[in-house]
Protein backbone atom coordinates (compact mmCIF):
# COMPACT_ATOMS: atom_id res chain seq x y z
CA MET A 1 -0.07 -0.09 -0.03
CA ALA A 2 1.44 3.95 -0.64
CA ILE A 3 0.70 6.62 2.06
CA ASP A 4 0.50 10.03 0.58
CA ALA A 5 3.57 12.49 0.72
CA ARG A 6 1.91 14.19 3.87
CA THR A 7 1.49 11.14 6.09
CA ARG A 8 4.95 9.65 4.79
CA LYS A 9 6.69 12.73 6.24
CA LYS A 10 4.83 12.45 9.60
CA LEU A 11 5.49 8.52 9.77
CA ILE A 12 9.32 9.62 8.77
CA ARG A 13 9.42 12.64 11.71
CA ILE A 14 7.71 9.90 14.40
CA LEU A 15 10.49 7.18 13.11
CA LYS A 16 13.10 9.51 13.92
CA LEU A 17 12.39 9.65 17.36
CA LEU A 18 12.79 6.09 18.40
CA GLY A 19 16.81 7.19 18.11
CA SER A 20 16.00 9.34 21.35
CA ASP A 21 18.21 8.64 24.28
CA GLN A 22 14.73 9.29 26.42
CA PRO A 23 13.26 5.62 26.99
CA GLY A 24 9.78 7.69 27.17
CA GLU A 25 10.18 9.21 24.27
CA ARG A 26 11.13 5.99 22.10
CA ASP A 27 8.00 4.60 23.67
CA SER A 28 5.69 7.13 22.86
CA ALA A 29 7.32 7.05 19.41
CA ALA A 30 6.63 3.84 18.71
CA LEU A 31 3.20 4.21 19.93
CA ALA A 32 2.88 7.22 17.71
CA ALA A 33 3.58 4.89 14.56
CA HIS A 34 1.84 1.85 15.47
CA LYS A 35 -1.17 4.22 15.37
CA LEU A 36 -0.77 6.05 12.50
CA VAL A 37 -0.14 2.84 10.65
CA ALA A 38 -3.30 1.58 12.06
CA SER A 39 -5.37 4.51 11.57
CA LEU A 40 -4.54 4.05 8.06
CA GLY A 41 -6.34 0.51 7.41
CA THR A 42 -3.08 -1.51 7.00
CA ASP A 43 -0.04 -2.75 8.71
CA TRP A 44 3.27 -2.82 8.95
CA ASP A 45 4.01 -5.87 6.33
CA THR A 46 1.62 -4.12 3.97
CA LEU A 47 3.04 -1.13 4.37
CA LEU A 48 6.65 -1.89 3.87
CA GLU A 49 5.84 -4.28 1.28
CA PRO A 50 8.37 -2.99 -1.85
CA PRO A 51 5.75 -1.34 -4.71
CA PRO A 52 4.93 -4.17 -7.82
CA GLU A 53 7.12 -3.69 -10.61
CA THR A 54 5.80 -1.73 -13.52
CA LYS A 55 5.89 -3.26 -17.04
CA VAL A 56 6.99 -0.83 -19.96
CA VAL A 57 4.52 -2.07 -23.11
CA ILE A 58 6.07 -0.76 -26.28
CA ARG A 59 3.48 -0.49 -29.25
CA ARG A 60 4.84 0.29 -32.75
CA VAL A 61 2.83 2.56 -34.07
CA ARG A 62 2.22 2.33 -38.22
CA GLU A 63 2.70 4.98 -40.11
CA TRP A 64 0.20 5.14 -42.66
CA ASP A 65 0.80 6.80 -46.04
CA ILE A 66 4.80 7.64 -45.34
CA ASN A 67 7.08 6.73 -48.35
CA HIS A 68 10.25 6.91 -46.38
CA GLN A 69 12.27 6.34 -49.69
CA GLU A 70 10.40 9.39 -51.50
CA ALA A 71 10.90 11.34 -47.94
CA ALA A 72 14.99 10.55 -48.03
CA GLU A 73 15.26 11.56 -51.65
CA THR A 74 13.68 14.69 -51.37
CA ARG A 75 15.68 15.30 -47.98
CA ILE A 76 18.79 14.61 -50.08
CA ARG A 77 17.49 16.93 -52.99
CA GLN A 78 17.42 19.84 -50.53
CA LEU A 79 20.69 19.03 -49.12
CA ARG A 80 22.42 19.20 -52.51
CA ASP A 81 20.72 22.56 -53.19
CA THR A 82 21.99 23.89 -49.98
CA ASN A 83 25.33 22.66 -50.84
CA GLU A 84 25.37 24.27 -54.13
CA ARG A 85 23.91 27.77 -52.71
CA GLN A 86 26.53 27.63 -50.51
CA ALA A 87 29.18 27.08 -53.01
CA ARG A 88 28.19 29.90 -55.40
CA GLN A 89 27.97 32.36 -52.30
CA ILE A 90 31.86 31.06 -51.52
CA ARG A 91 33.02 31.80 -55.20
CA GLY A 92 31.00 35.36 -55.07
CA LEU A 93 33.16 35.71 -51.93
CA ARG A 94 36.08 34.50 -53.40
CA THR A 95 35.98 36.78 -55.95
CA ARG A 96 35.14 39.70 -53.65
CA VAL A 97 38.12 39.23 -51.57
CA ASN A 98 40.45 39.04 -55.04
CA SER A 99 39.19 42.01 -56.15
CA LEU A 100 39.87 43.84 -52.81
CA LEU A 101 43.13 42.10 -52.75
CA ASP A 102 44.30 43.56 -55.79
CA ARG A 103 42.58 47.32 -55.22
CA GLU A 104 45.08 47.03 -52.20
CA ARG A 105 48.05 46.06 -54.14
CA LEU A 106 47.47 49.09 -56.54
CA ARG A 107 46.87 51.37 -53.71
CA ARG A 108 50.38 50.31 -52.41
CA THR A 109 52.18 50.61 -55.41
CA SER A 110 50.78 53.75 -56.48
CA LYS A 111 51.87 54.97 -53.10
CA ASP A 112 54.83 53.53 -53.26
CA ASP A 113 55.43 55.27 -56.20
CA GLU A 114 54.39 58.75 -54.96
CA ASP A 115 56.75 58.52 -51.99
CA GLU A 116 59.66 57.76 -54.41
CA MET A 117 59.17 61.30 -56.36
CA ARG A 118 61.17 64.06 -55.36
CA PRO A 119 59.64 66.91 -52.90
CA ASP A 120 59.46 69.28 -56.04
CA GLY A 121 57.25 66.89 -58.33
CA SER A 122 59.88 65.80 -60.34
CA PRO A 123 60.91 61.71 -60.84
CA PRO A 124 63.74 60.19 -59.13
CA PRO A 125 67.22 59.77 -61.29
């Protein structure tokens, strides 16, 4: 038999008193525990009996109108489209990075050429 949480806590508090140093307190605790179990309409054997094992039943659910092969092929197509789109994005980014690098090289070369000019604006000898 299972007892509710409130009664269980009460019984635990009473049973803790069985470890008291005072003999009268121990006797009172034992009597209170016995009365509590009796008020539940059960006995110690039934109360302390382990709960029955619960059996888990697994049922296979039938999936109607689902074509797993078609679903897999659709997912594969989606993944291929995603890969192609990402490849296009990577190519575009590569082109953009290369053009930025080319501009930076041109800017540095033109700056170096300006630095080599004489203060009066004439080219070096």
